[in-house]
């Protein structure tokens, strides 16, 4: 008698080999060479897109850094400081000094950026005015009261006289240091003495502007000398 197959026994199915997918544009399965070429091209496009993204991020980071530097470093231009009324300051300081303080009549285009009565370590009182000229040069006036020779040497930082010039009857000793190494604000200086005052003009302005200030100082020095003769 033939054996009966149990009802719960399922026939074994042999799996079919996976067939290559049909590529629409080819109308047939692609060959292994075509598959490898397609994958290589996809990899190339991925790398190209990745490089473009990296470039865009780098540019964005650079622009952001530049904007940060501009925000942090660049400041809006500050308004020019208000000129100092040196005549008023001199009037306020005068009661403390017996010697008349110089208030030169400088050109209207000039302005003072500082004016004060100073007392140094040598106990010499000095009236100081800093001028900005019309050509953006700098000249300072320093009037030492009862100054000693050491005070003058200190003000001039031991530079040597190079000549002399008489302006409006006042003889000035000239110190031209413009050819020196980094003379700073002592590039040029002029010194005159009258009464108990020693007048020092120094700065970076040109010679003609120094002569302009020296001429303006002439009337101040004459007034000082007249005061000394009257009180003497």
N, C-alpha and C. Protein backbone atom coordinates (compact mmCIF):
# COMPACT_ATOMS: atom_id res chain seq x y z
N UNK A 1 0.87 -1.19 0.00
CA UNK A 1 0.00 0.00 0.00
C UNK A 1 0.89 1.22 0.00
N UNK A 2 0.52 2.20 -0.82
CA UNK A 2 1.32 3.46 -0.89
C UNK A 2 1.12 4.28 0.35
N UNK A 3 2.26 4.93 0.79
CA UNK A 3 2.18 5.77 1.98
C UNK A 3 1.47 7.07 1.67
N UNK A 4 0.69 7.52 2.62
CA UNK A 4 -0.05 8.77 2.46
C UNK A 4 0.80 9.94 3.00
N UNK A 5 0.70 11.02 2.29
CA UNK A 5 1.43 12.23 2.73
C UNK A 5 0.65 12.90 3.83
N UNK A 6 1.32 13.17 4.97
CA UNK A 6 0.57 13.85 6.07
C UNK A 6 0.00 15.17 5.59
N UNK A 7 -1.17 15.51 6.11
CA UNK A 7 -1.84 16.73 5.68
C UNK A 7 -1.05 17.99 6.03
N UNK A 8 -0.35 17.93 7.18
CA UNK A 8 0.35 19.15 7.62
C UNK A 8 1.73 19.29 6.99
N UNK A 9 2.11 18.41 6.07
CA UNK A 9 3.44 18.51 5.46
C UNK A 9 3.36 19.39 4.23
N UNK A 10 4.12 20.52 4.25
CA UNK A 10 4.11 21.49 3.15
C UNK A 10 5.22 21.18 2.18
N UNK A 11 4.91 21.17 0.89
CA UNK A 11 5.96 20.86 -0.10
C UNK A 11 7.07 21.90 -0.05
N UNK A 12 8.30 21.47 -0.17
CA UNK A 12 9.47 22.37 -0.15
C UNK A 12 9.57 23.11 -1.47
N UNK A 13 9.71 24.53 -1.35
CA UNK A 13 9.85 25.36 -2.57
C UNK A 13 11.30 25.79 -2.75
N UNK A 14 11.76 25.64 -3.92
CA UNK A 14 13.14 26.03 -4.23
C UNK A 14 13.15 27.52 -4.59
N UNK A 15 13.90 28.40 -3.81
CA UNK A 15 13.90 29.86 -4.11
C UNK A 15 14.49 30.14 -5.47
N UNK A 16 13.83 31.07 -6.14
CA UNK A 16 14.31 31.45 -7.46
C UNK A 16 15.48 32.43 -7.33
N UNK A 17 16.38 32.33 -8.22
CA UNK A 17 17.51 33.27 -8.23
C UNK A 17 16.99 34.68 -8.51
N UNK A 18 17.53 35.70 -7.73
CA UNK A 18 17.08 37.09 -7.90
C UNK A 18 17.54 37.61 -9.24
N UNK A 19 16.58 38.07 -9.99
CA UNK A 19 16.89 38.58 -11.31
C UNK A 19 17.26 40.06 -11.23
N UNK A 20 18.23 40.49 -11.99
CA UNK A 20 18.58 41.94 -12.01
C UNK A 20 17.38 42.78 -12.40
N UNK A 21 17.27 43.93 -11.72
CA UNK A 21 16.15 44.82 -12.02
C UNK A 21 16.33 45.44 -13.40
N UNK A 22 15.21 45.62 -14.08
CA UNK A 22 15.25 46.23 -15.40
C UNK A 22 15.39 47.73 -15.24
N UNK A 23 16.37 48.32 -15.86
CA UNK A 23 16.58 49.76 -15.81
C UNK A 23 15.70 50.40 -16.86
N UNK A 24 14.89 51.37 -16.43
CA UNK A 24 13.89 51.94 -17.32
C UNK A 24 14.51 52.53 -18.57
N UNK A 25 15.60 53.33 -18.39
CA UNK A 25 16.15 53.99 -19.56
C UNK A 25 16.89 53.03 -20.50
N UNK A 26 17.27 51.84 -19.92
CA UNK A 26 17.92 50.87 -20.77
C UNK A 26 16.93 49.87 -21.37
N UNK A 27 15.82 49.62 -20.67
CA UNK A 27 14.84 48.64 -21.12
C UNK A 27 15.31 47.22 -20.87
N UNK A 28 16.35 47.10 -20.04
CA UNK A 28 16.91 45.77 -19.76
C UNK A 28 17.70 45.87 -18.45
N UNK A 29 18.02 44.75 -17.86
CA UNK A 29 18.88 44.79 -16.67
C UNK A 29 20.26 45.34 -17.04
N UNK A 30 20.85 46.11 -16.10
CA UNK A 30 22.19 46.63 -16.38
C UNK A 30 23.25 45.59 -16.11
N UNK A 31 24.30 45.69 -16.85
CA UNK A 31 25.40 44.75 -16.71
C UNK A 31 26.21 45.10 -15.47
N UNK A 32 27.03 44.18 -14.97
CA UNK A 32 27.88 44.50 -13.81
C UNK A 32 28.76 45.72 -14.05
N UNK A 33 29.26 45.88 -15.27
CA UNK A 33 30.08 47.04 -15.56
C UNK A 33 29.26 48.33 -15.45
N UNK A 34 28.00 48.28 -15.96
CA UNK A 34 27.14 49.45 -15.88
C UNK A 34 26.77 49.76 -14.43
N UNK A 35 26.56 48.72 -13.63
CA UNK A 35 26.25 48.93 -12.21
C UNK A 35 27.40 49.61 -11.49
N UNK A 36 28.62 49.12 -11.77
CA UNK A 36 29.80 49.71 -11.14
C UNK A 36 29.98 51.16 -11.57
N UNK A 37 29.74 51.45 -12.85
CA UNK A 37 29.88 52.82 -13.35
C UNK A 37 28.84 53.74 -12.73
N UNK A 38 27.60 53.20 -12.57
CA UNK A 38 26.54 54.02 -11.96
C UNK A 38 26.87 54.35 -10.51
N UNK A 39 27.36 53.37 -9.77
CA UNK A 39 27.70 53.61 -8.38
C UNK A 39 28.88 54.60 -8.26
N UNK A 40 29.82 54.47 -9.16
CA UNK A 40 30.97 55.38 -9.13
C UNK A 40 30.53 56.82 -9.42
N UNK A 41 29.61 56.97 -10.38
CA UNK A 41 29.12 58.31 -10.71
C UNK A 41 28.32 58.90 -9.54
N UNK A 42 27.51 58.04 -8.89
CA UNK A 42 26.76 58.53 -7.72
C UNK A 42 27.71 58.97 -6.60
N UNK A 43 28.78 58.22 -6.41
CA UNK A 43 29.77 58.60 -5.38
C UNK A 43 30.43 59.93 -5.74
N UNK A 44 30.75 60.09 -7.03
CA UNK A 44 31.39 61.33 -7.46
C UNK A 44 30.47 62.52 -7.22
N UNK A 45 29.18 62.39 -7.57
CA UNK A 45 28.22 63.47 -7.35
C UNK A 45 28.06 63.77 -5.87
N UNK A 46 28.07 62.72 -5.03
CA UNK A 46 27.94 62.93 -3.58
C UNK A 46 29.13 63.72 -3.04
N UNK A 47 30.33 63.33 -3.49
CA UNK A 47 31.52 64.05 -3.03
C UNK A 47 31.51 65.50 -3.51
N UNK A 48 31.06 65.71 -4.76
CA UNK A 48 31.00 67.08 -5.29
C UNK A 48 30.03 67.93 -4.49
N UNK A 49 28.85 67.35 -4.19
CA UNK A 49 27.87 68.09 -3.39
C UNK A 49 28.40 68.37 -1.98
N UNK A 50 29.12 67.38 -1.43
CA UNK A 50 29.69 67.57 -0.09
C UNK A 50 30.72 68.69 -0.10
N UNK A 51 31.54 68.75 -1.16
CA UNK A 51 32.55 69.81 -1.26
C UNK A 51 31.90 71.18 -1.39
N UNK A 52 30.82 71.27 -2.16
CA UNK A 52 30.12 72.55 -2.32
C UNK A 52 29.53 72.99 -0.99
N UNK A 53 28.94 72.04 -0.25
CA UNK A 53 28.37 72.39 1.05
C UNK A 53 29.46 72.87 2.00
N UNK A 54 30.60 72.18 1.97
CA UNK A 54 31.71 72.59 2.84
C UNK A 54 32.20 73.99 2.47
N UNK A 55 32.26 74.26 1.16
CA UNK A 55 32.69 75.58 0.70
C UNK A 55 31.72 76.66 1.15
N UNK A 56 30.43 76.37 1.04
CA UNK A 56 29.42 77.34 1.46
C UNK A 56 29.53 77.60 2.96
N UNK A 57 29.72 76.54 3.75
CA UNK A 57 29.85 76.73 5.20
C UNK A 57 31.12 77.52 5.54
N UNK A 58 32.20 77.26 4.81
CA UNK A 58 33.44 78.00 5.06
C UNK A 58 33.28 79.48 4.75
N UNK A 59 32.62 79.76 3.61
CA UNK A 59 32.38 81.16 3.26
C UNK A 59 31.48 81.84 4.29
N UNK A 60 30.45 81.13 4.73
CA UNK A 60 29.55 81.70 5.73
C UNK A 60 30.29 81.98 7.03
N UNK A 61 31.17 81.05 7.43
CA UNK A 61 31.95 81.25 8.66
C UNK A 61 32.90 82.44 8.52
N UNK A 62 33.52 82.58 7.34
CA UNK A 62 34.45 83.69 7.11
C UNK A 62 33.72 85.03 7.16
N UNK A 63 32.56 85.07 6.51
CA UNK A 63 31.77 86.31 6.52
C UNK A 63 31.32 86.65 7.94
N UNK A 64 30.89 85.63 8.68
CA UNK A 64 30.48 85.86 10.06
C UNK A 64 31.62 86.38 10.92
N UNK A 65 32.82 85.81 10.74
CA UNK A 65 33.98 86.28 11.50
C UNK A 65 34.33 87.72 11.14
N UNK A 66 34.24 88.03 9.84
CA UNK A 66 34.54 89.39 9.41
C UNK A 66 33.55 90.39 10.01
N UNK A 67 32.27 90.03 10.03
CA UNK A 67 31.27 90.91 10.62
C UNK A 67 31.52 91.09 12.11
N UNK A 68 31.93 90.01 12.79
CA UNK A 68 32.22 90.11 14.21
C UNK A 68 33.39 91.06 14.47
N UNK A 69 34.43 90.96 13.62
CA UNK A 69 35.58 91.85 13.77
C UNK A 69 35.16 93.30 13.55
N UNK A 70 34.33 93.53 12.53
CA UNK A 70 33.86 94.90 12.26
C UNK A 70 33.07 95.44 13.44
N UNK A 71 32.21 94.60 14.01
CA UNK A 71 31.38 95.05 15.13
C UNK A 71 32.23 95.35 16.35
N UNK A 72 33.24 94.49 16.60
CA UNK A 72 34.05 94.63 17.81
C UNK A 72 35.08 95.74 17.66
N UNK A 73 35.75 95.80 16.50
CA UNK A 73 36.89 96.71 16.33
C UNK A 73 36.46 98.09 15.85
N UNK A 74 35.63 98.14 14.84
CA UNK A 74 35.28 99.42 14.24
C UNK A 74 34.31 100.17 15.15
N UNK A 75 34.64 101.37 15.43
CA UNK A 75 33.78 102.22 16.24
C UNK A 75 33.41 103.45 15.43
N UNK A 76 32.24 103.95 15.62
CA UNK A 76 31.90 105.19 14.93
C UNK A 76 32.84 106.31 15.35
N UNK A 77 33.14 107.18 14.41
CA UNK A 77 34.05 108.28 14.69
C UNK A 77 33.51 109.14 15.82
N UNK A 78 34.39 109.37 16.77
CA UNK A 78 34.00 110.21 17.89
C UNK A 78 34.06 111.68 17.48
N UNK A 79 33.15 112.48 17.95
CA UNK A 79 33.21 113.91 17.62
C UNK A 79 34.48 114.53 18.16
N UNK A 80 35.00 115.51 17.43
CA UNK A 80 36.23 116.18 17.87
C UNK A 80 36.00 116.83 19.22
N UNK A 81 37.00 116.74 20.11
CA UNK A 81 36.83 117.35 21.44
C UNK A 81 36.63 118.86 21.33
N UNK A 82 35.86 119.39 22.23
CA UNK A 82 35.58 120.81 22.23
C UNK A 82 36.85 121.59 22.59
N UNK A 83 37.18 122.64 21.83
CA UNK A 83 38.39 123.42 22.14
C UNK A 83 38.34 123.98 23.56
N UNK A 84 39.52 124.05 24.17
CA UNK A 84 39.64 124.57 25.53
C UNK A 84 39.74 126.09 25.49
N UNK A 85 38.98 126.75 26.34
CA UNK A 85 39.04 128.22 26.45
C UNK A 85 40.22 128.55 27.37
N UNK A 86 41.42 128.62 26.77
CA UNK A 86 42.62 128.80 27.59
C UNK A 86 42.67 130.16 28.27
N UNK A 87 42.04 131.16 27.66
CA UNK A 87 42.02 132.48 28.30
C UNK A 87 41.26 132.44 29.62
N UNK A 88 40.13 131.73 29.63
CA UNK A 88 39.34 131.59 30.86
C UNK A 88 40.11 130.80 31.90
N UNK A 89 40.77 129.73 31.46
CA UNK A 89 41.55 128.92 32.38
C UNK A 89 42.68 129.75 32.98
N UNK A 90 43.33 130.58 32.16
CA UNK A 90 44.41 131.44 32.65
C UNK A 90 43.89 132.42 33.69
N UNK A 91 42.70 132.98 33.43
CA UNK A 91 42.11 133.91 34.39
C UNK A 91 41.82 133.26 35.72
N UNK A 92 41.40 132.00 35.68
CA UNK A 92 41.09 131.29 36.92
C UNK A 92 42.37 130.92 37.67
N UNK A 93 43.46 130.67 36.93
CA UNK A 93 44.71 130.27 37.56
C UNK A 93 45.55 131.46 38.01
N UNK A 94 45.32 132.64 37.44
CA UNK A 94 46.18 133.79 37.71
C UNK A 94 46.30 134.18 39.18
N UNK A 95 45.24 134.14 39.98
CA UNK A 95 45.38 134.55 41.39
C UNK A 95 46.45 133.76 42.16
N UNK A 96 46.77 132.57 41.70
CA UNK A 96 47.75 131.76 42.42
C UNK A 96 49.18 132.08 42.00
N UNK A 97 49.35 132.93 40.97
CA UNK A 97 50.68 133.23 40.42
C UNK A 97 50.88 134.73 40.33
N UNK A 98 52.01 135.22 40.81
CA UNK A 98 52.30 136.66 40.73
C UNK A 98 52.69 137.07 39.31
N UNK A 99 53.30 136.18 38.56
CA UNK A 99 53.74 136.47 37.20
C UNK A 99 52.55 136.44 36.24
N UNK A 100 52.43 137.41 35.32
CA UNK A 100 51.32 137.36 34.35
C UNK A 100 51.40 136.11 33.48
N UNK A 101 50.32 135.37 33.39
CA UNK A 101 50.29 134.16 32.58
C UNK A 101 50.03 134.53 31.12
N UNK A 102 50.77 133.89 30.22
CA UNK A 102 50.67 134.21 28.80
C UNK A 102 49.34 133.73 28.22
N UNK A 103 48.69 134.64 27.49
CA UNK A 103 47.46 134.30 26.77
C UNK A 103 47.63 134.83 25.34
N UNK A 104 48.39 134.13 24.51
CA UNK A 104 48.71 134.64 23.17
C UNK A 104 47.49 134.73 22.27
N UNK A 105 47.48 135.75 21.42
CA UNK A 105 46.39 135.96 20.46
C UNK A 105 46.74 135.18 19.18
N UNK A 106 46.34 133.91 19.13
CA UNK A 106 46.69 133.05 18.00
C UNK A 106 45.63 133.17 16.90
N UNK A 107 45.94 132.71 15.68
CA UNK A 107 44.94 132.75 14.60
C UNK A 107 43.65 132.04 14.98
N UNK A 108 42.56 132.50 14.43
CA UNK A 108 41.24 131.93 14.78
C UNK A 108 41.11 130.47 14.36
N UNK A 109 41.92 130.04 13.37
CA UNK A 109 41.83 128.65 12.92
C UNK A 109 42.53 127.69 13.88
N UNK A 110 43.30 128.24 14.81
CA UNK A 110 43.96 127.40 15.80
C UNK A 110 43.00 127.10 16.94
N UNK A 111 43.26 126.00 17.64
CA UNK A 111 42.45 125.67 18.81
C UNK A 111 43.36 125.07 19.88
N UNK A 112 42.94 125.24 21.12
CA UNK A 112 43.70 124.68 22.25
C UNK A 112 43.04 123.37 22.69
N UNK A 113 43.86 122.34 22.86
CA UNK A 113 43.31 121.07 23.34
C UNK A 113 43.59 120.83 24.81
N UNK A 114 44.39 121.76 25.43
CA UNK A 114 44.68 121.63 26.84
C UNK A 114 45.21 122.95 27.37
N UNK A 115 44.90 123.25 28.62
CA UNK A 115 45.43 124.45 29.28
C UNK A 115 45.34 124.22 30.78
N UNK A 116 46.48 124.36 31.47
CA UNK A 116 46.47 124.13 32.90
C UNK A 116 47.75 124.66 33.54
N UNK A 117 47.65 124.92 34.82
CA UNK A 117 48.81 125.34 35.61
C UNK A 117 49.36 124.08 36.28
N UNK A 118 50.63 123.78 36.00
CA UNK A 118 51.23 122.56 36.51
C UNK A 118 52.36 122.88 37.49
N UNK A 119 52.58 121.95 38.39
CA UNK A 119 53.72 122.04 39.30
C UNK A 119 54.46 120.72 39.24
N UNK A 120 55.73 120.76 38.83
CA UNK A 120 56.51 119.54 38.69
C UNK A 120 57.18 119.13 39.97
N UNK A 121 57.98 118.05 39.89
CA UNK A 121 58.69 117.56 41.06
C UNK A 121 59.75 118.54 41.55
N UNK A 122 60.16 119.46 40.65
CA UNK A 122 61.15 120.47 41.04
C UNK A 122 60.50 121.68 41.69
N UNK A 123 59.18 121.60 41.91
CA UNK A 123 58.41 122.68 42.55
C UNK A 123 58.35 123.95 41.70
N UNK A 124 58.64 123.83 40.41
CA UNK A 124 58.52 124.97 39.51
C UNK A 124 57.11 124.96 38.92
N UNK A 125 56.38 126.07 39.11
CA UNK A 125 55.05 126.17 38.52
C UNK A 125 55.19 126.54 37.05
N UNK A 126 54.38 125.89 36.20
CA UNK A 126 54.46 126.14 34.76
C UNK A 126 53.06 126.23 34.19
N UNK A 127 52.83 127.29 33.42
CA UNK A 127 51.56 127.48 32.73
C UNK A 127 51.69 126.82 31.36
N UNK A 128 50.76 125.92 31.04
CA UNK A 128 50.84 125.12 29.82
C UNK A 128 49.61 125.33 28.94
N UNK A 129 49.86 125.50 27.63
CA UNK A 129 48.77 125.52 26.63
C UNK A 129 49.22 124.65 25.46
N UNK A 130 48.35 123.75 25.01
CA UNK A 130 48.63 122.94 23.82
C UNK A 130 47.77 123.41 22.66
N UNK A 131 48.40 123.77 21.53
CA UNK A 131 47.68 124.29 20.38
C UNK A 131 47.71 123.30 19.21
N UNK A 132 46.57 123.18 18.53
CA UNK A 132 46.49 122.49 17.25
C UNK A 132 46.37 123.59 16.19
N UNK A 133 47.32 123.62 15.27
CA UNK A 133 47.36 124.71 14.29
C UNK A 133 46.40 124.44 13.14
N UNK A 134 46.28 125.41 12.25
CA UNK A 134 45.38 125.27 11.10
C UNK A 134 45.84 124.18 10.16
N UNK A 135 47.14 123.84 10.19
CA UNK A 135 47.68 122.78 9.34
C UNK A 135 47.77 121.46 10.11
N UNK A 136 47.02 121.35 11.22
CA UNK A 136 47.01 120.16 12.07
C UNK A 136 48.37 119.87 12.69
N UNK A 137 49.18 120.90 12.84
CA UNK A 137 50.43 120.76 13.57
C UNK A 137 50.18 120.95 15.05
N UNK A 138 51.19 120.68 15.85
CA UNK A 138 51.06 120.82 17.30
C UNK A 138 52.18 121.72 17.82
N UNK A 139 51.80 122.70 18.64
CA UNK A 139 52.77 123.54 19.34
C UNK A 139 52.26 123.75 20.76
N UNK A 140 53.16 123.56 21.70
CA UNK A 140 52.82 123.80 23.11
C UNK A 140 53.57 125.03 23.60
N UNK A 141 52.91 125.74 24.51
CA UNK A 141 53.54 126.86 25.22
C UNK A 141 53.70 126.42 26.66
N UNK A 142 54.91 126.55 27.17
CA UNK A 142 55.13 126.27 28.58
C UNK A 142 55.88 127.45 29.19
N UNK A 143 55.24 128.09 30.15
CA UNK A 143 55.81 129.27 30.82
C UNK A 143 56.21 128.86 32.23
N UNK A 144 57.55 128.71 32.44
CA UNK A 144 58.04 128.34 33.75
C UNK A 144 58.22 129.58 34.62
N UNK A 145 57.66 129.57 35.82
CA UNK A 145 57.73 130.70 36.74
C UNK A 145 58.92 130.48 37.69
N UNK A 146 59.83 131.46 37.70
CA UNK A 146 61.04 131.33 38.53
C UNK A 146 61.76 130.01 38.26
N UNK A 147 61.85 129.68 36.98
CA UNK A 147 62.46 128.40 36.60
C UNK A 147 63.97 128.47 36.71
N UNK A 148 64.57 127.37 37.08
CA UNK A 148 66.02 127.29 37.15
C UNK A 148 66.56 126.60 35.89
N UNK A 149 67.87 126.65 35.64
CA UNK A 149 68.43 126.03 34.44
C UNK A 149 68.12 124.54 34.33
N UNK A 150 68.06 123.87 35.45
CA UNK A 150 67.76 122.43 35.43
C UNK A 150 66.36 122.18 34.87
N UNK A 151 65.42 123.05 35.24
CA UNK A 151 64.04 122.90 34.73
C UNK A 151 64.04 122.99 33.21
N UNK A 152 64.77 123.96 32.64
CA UNK A 152 64.79 124.13 31.19
C UNK A 152 65.43 122.93 30.51
N UNK A 153 66.54 122.44 31.06
CA UNK A 153 67.20 121.27 30.48
C UNK A 153 66.26 120.07 30.48
N UNK A 154 65.49 119.93 31.54
CA UNK A 154 64.54 118.82 31.64
C UNK A 154 63.44 118.95 30.59
N UNK A 155 62.92 120.17 30.40
CA UNK A 155 61.86 120.38 29.42
C UNK A 155 62.33 120.05 28.00
N UNK A 156 63.57 120.37 27.71
CA UNK A 156 64.12 120.15 26.37
C UNK A 156 64.79 118.79 26.22
N UNK A 157 64.75 118.00 27.29
CA UNK A 157 65.33 116.66 27.28
C UNK A 157 66.78 116.67 26.82
N UNK A 158 67.50 117.69 27.31
CA UNK A 158 68.95 117.82 27.10
C UNK A 158 69.34 118.03 25.63
N UNK A 159 68.41 118.46 24.79
CA UNK A 159 68.78 118.77 23.41
C UNK A 159 69.58 120.06 23.36
N UNK A 160 70.36 120.22 22.32
CA UNK A 160 71.24 121.38 22.22
C UNK A 160 70.67 122.43 21.27
N UNK A 161 70.99 123.68 21.58
CA UNK A 161 70.53 124.78 20.73
C UNK A 161 71.21 124.69 19.36
N UNK A 162 70.46 125.06 18.32
CA UNK A 162 71.00 125.02 16.96
C UNK A 162 71.06 126.40 16.31
N UNK A 163 70.56 127.42 17.01
CA UNK A 163 70.60 128.76 16.43
C UNK A 163 69.79 129.74 17.26
N UNK A 164 69.59 130.92 16.71
CA UNK A 164 68.81 131.96 17.39
C UNK A 164 68.05 132.76 16.35
N UNK A 165 66.93 133.35 16.77
CA UNK A 165 66.11 134.15 15.87
C UNK A 165 65.41 135.24 16.66
N UNK A 166 65.42 136.45 16.12
CA UNK A 166 64.75 137.57 16.77
C UNK A 166 63.43 137.84 16.04
N UNK A 167 62.33 137.78 16.80
CA UNK A 167 61.00 137.99 16.23
C UNK A 167 60.30 139.07 17.04
N UNK A 168 59.94 140.16 16.35
CA UNK A 168 59.26 141.29 16.99
C UNK A 168 60.04 141.79 18.20
N UNK A 169 61.35 141.84 18.06
CA UNK A 169 62.20 142.38 19.11
C UNK A 169 62.53 141.41 20.23
N UNK A 170 61.99 140.19 20.19
CA UNK A 170 62.28 139.18 21.22
C UNK A 170 63.26 138.16 20.64
N UNK A 171 64.35 137.92 21.36
CA UNK A 171 65.34 136.95 20.89
C UNK A 171 64.99 135.56 21.41
N UNK A 172 64.89 134.64 20.48
CA UNK A 172 64.54 133.25 20.80
C UNK A 172 65.72 132.34 20.47
N UNK A 173 66.03 131.44 21.37
CA UNK A 173 67.01 130.39 21.09
C UNK A 173 66.27 129.23 20.43
N UNK A 174 66.81 128.73 19.33
CA UNK A 174 66.14 127.71 18.52
C UNK A 174 66.77 126.34 18.76
N UNK A 175 65.92 125.34 18.87
CA UNK A 175 66.36 123.94 19.01
C UNK A 175 65.67 123.14 17.90
N UNK A 176 66.38 122.91 16.81
CA UNK A 176 65.81 122.19 15.67
C UNK A 176 66.29 120.74 15.72
N UNK A 177 65.40 119.85 16.11
CA UNK A 177 65.75 118.43 16.24
C UNK A 177 65.06 117.56 15.19
N UNK A 178 64.59 118.17 14.11
CA UNK A 178 63.81 117.42 13.13
C UNK A 178 64.61 116.32 12.42
N UNK A 179 65.91 116.46 12.39
CA UNK A 179 66.73 115.44 11.73
C UNK A 179 67.14 114.33 12.70
N UNK A 180 66.74 114.45 13.95
CA UNK A 180 67.11 113.43 14.93
C UNK A 180 66.23 112.20 14.82
N UNK A 181 66.62 111.17 15.56
CA UNK A 181 65.85 109.93 15.57
C UNK A 181 64.66 110.05 16.52
N UNK A 182 63.48 110.04 15.95
CA UNK A 182 62.24 110.08 16.72
C UNK A 182 62.25 111.17 17.79
N UNK A 183 62.28 112.45 17.36
CA UNK A 183 62.30 113.54 18.34
C UNK A 183 60.97 113.76 19.05
N UNK A 184 59.89 113.15 18.55
CA UNK A 184 58.58 113.30 19.18
C UNK A 184 58.10 114.74 19.14
N UNK A 185 57.55 115.20 20.26
CA UNK A 185 57.03 116.57 20.32
C UNK A 185 58.12 117.61 20.46
N UNK A 186 59.37 117.18 20.55
CA UNK A 186 60.48 118.13 20.61
C UNK A 186 61.19 118.24 19.27
N UNK A 187 60.44 118.04 18.20
CA UNK A 187 61.04 118.17 16.87
C UNK A 187 61.59 119.58 16.66
N UNK A 188 60.92 120.56 17.23
CA UNK A 188 61.36 121.95 17.09
C UNK A 188 60.98 122.68 18.37
N UNK A 189 61.87 123.56 18.83
CA UNK A 189 61.58 124.30 20.06
C UNK A 189 62.21 125.68 19.99
N UNK A 190 61.60 126.63 20.71
CA UNK A 190 62.11 127.99 20.81
C UNK A 190 62.00 128.41 22.28
N UNK A 191 63.03 129.11 22.76
CA UNK A 191 63.07 129.50 24.18
C UNK A 191 63.42 130.98 24.29
N UNK A 192 62.67 131.68 25.15
CA UNK A 192 62.95 133.09 25.46
C UNK A 192 62.74 133.30 26.95
N UNK A 193 63.45 134.29 27.51
CA UNK A 193 63.31 134.59 28.93
C UNK A 193 62.96 136.07 29.10
N UNK A 194 62.09 136.34 30.04
CA UNK A 194 61.71 137.71 30.36
C UNK A 194 61.19 137.75 31.78
N UNK A 195 61.67 138.73 32.57
CA UNK A 195 61.24 138.83 33.95
C UNK A 195 61.59 137.56 34.70
N UNK A 196 60.61 137.01 35.39
CA UNK A 196 60.81 135.77 36.13
C UNK A 196 60.27 134.55 35.38
N UNK A 197 60.03 134.73 34.09
CA UNK A 197 59.45 133.64 33.29
C UNK A 197 60.43 133.14 32.24
N UNK A 198 60.37 131.84 32.02
CA UNK A 198 61.07 131.20 30.91
C UNK A 198 60.00 130.62 29.99
N UNK A 199 59.98 131.06 28.74
CA UNK A 199 58.95 130.64 27.79
C UNK A 199 59.55 129.58 26.84
N UNK A 200 58.88 128.47 26.77
CA UNK A 200 59.33 127.38 25.89
C UNK A 200 58.19 127.05 24.92
N UNK A 201 58.49 127.15 23.63
CA UNK A 201 57.55 126.72 22.60
C UNK A 201 58.12 125.44 21.99
N UNK A 202 57.33 124.41 21.89
CA UNK A 202 57.85 123.17 21.30
C UNK A 202 56.72 122.39 20.63
N UNK A 203 57.09 121.56 19.65
CA UNK A 203 56.07 120.77 18.97
C UNK A 203 56.52 120.25 17.63
N UNK A 204 55.54 119.94 16.78
CA UNK A 204 55.79 119.31 15.48
C UNK A 204 55.37 120.17 14.31
N UNK A 205 54.85 121.37 14.57
CA UNK A 205 54.37 122.25 13.49
C UNK A 205 55.56 122.75 12.67
N UNK A 206 55.25 123.39 11.53
CA UNK A 206 56.34 123.90 10.70
C UNK A 206 56.89 125.21 11.27
N UNK A 207 58.01 125.64 10.71
CA UNK A 207 58.72 126.80 11.25
C UNK A 207 57.88 128.06 11.20
N UNK A 208 57.14 128.25 10.13
CA UNK A 208 56.33 129.47 10.01
C UNK A 208 55.26 129.55 11.09
N UNK A 209 54.69 128.40 11.45
CA UNK A 209 53.68 128.42 12.51
C UNK A 209 54.32 128.70 13.87
N UNK A 210 55.55 128.23 14.06
CA UNK A 210 56.27 128.59 15.29
C UNK A 210 56.51 130.10 15.33
N UNK A 211 56.87 130.67 14.19
CA UNK A 211 57.11 132.12 14.15
C UNK A 211 55.82 132.89 14.42
N UNK A 212 54.70 132.35 13.93
CA UNK A 212 53.41 132.99 14.20
C UNK A 212 53.14 133.02 15.69
N UNK A 213 53.38 131.90 16.37
CA UNK A 213 53.14 131.84 17.81
C UNK A 213 54.14 132.72 18.56
N UNK A 214 55.40 132.70 18.13
CA UNK A 214 56.41 133.53 18.78
C UNK A 214 56.06 135.01 18.66
N UNK A 215 55.52 135.40 17.50
CA UNK A 215 55.10 136.78 17.32
C UNK A 215 53.94 137.12 18.25
N UNK A 216 52.99 136.17 18.39
CA UNK A 216 51.86 136.39 19.30
C UNK A 216 52.32 136.45 20.75
N UNK A 217 53.40 135.72 21.05
CA UNK A 217 53.93 135.73 22.42
C UNK A 217 54.67 137.04 22.72
N UNK A 218 55.07 137.78 21.66
CA UNK A 218 55.84 139.00 21.86
C UNK A 218 55.14 140.00 22.76
N UNK A 219 53.85 140.22 22.51
CA UNK A 219 53.11 141.19 23.32
C UNK A 219 52.97 140.70 24.76
N UNK A 220 52.84 139.37 24.94
CA UNK A 220 52.74 138.81 26.28
C UNK A 220 54.04 139.02 27.04
N UNK A 221 55.16 138.81 26.34
CA UNK A 221 56.46 138.98 26.98
C UNK A 221 56.71 140.46 27.29
N UNK A 222 56.33 141.34 26.35
CA UNK A 222 56.48 142.77 26.61
C UNK A 222 55.66 143.19 27.82
N UNK A 223 54.44 142.66 27.95
CA UNK A 223 53.59 142.99 29.10
C UNK A 223 54.23 142.49 30.39
N UNK A 224 54.83 141.31 30.32
CA UNK A 224 55.49 140.76 31.49
C UNK A 224 56.64 141.66 31.92
N UNK A 225 57.44 142.10 30.95
CA UNK A 225 58.59 142.94 31.26
C UNK A 225 58.14 144.29 31.81
N UNK A 226 57.04 144.83 31.26
CA UNK A 226 56.52 146.11 31.75
C UNK A 226 56.04 145.98 33.18
N UNK A 227 55.40 144.83 33.49
CA UNK A 227 54.91 144.59 34.85
C UNK A 227 56.09 144.51 35.82
N UNK A 228 57.15 143.85 35.39
CA UNK A 228 58.32 143.71 36.25
C UNK A 228 58.95 145.08 36.53
N UNK A 229 59.00 145.95 35.50
CA UNK A 229 59.58 147.28 35.70
C UNK A 229 58.72 148.12 36.64
N UNK A 230 57.39 147.95 36.54
CA UNK A 230 56.49 148.75 37.39
C UNK A 230 56.59 148.31 38.84
N UNK A 231 56.57 146.97 39.05
CA UNK A 231 56.63 146.46 40.41
C UNK A 231 58.04 146.57 40.99
N UNK A 232 59.04 146.61 40.10
CA UNK A 232 60.40 146.71 40.58
C UNK A 232 60.72 148.11 41.07
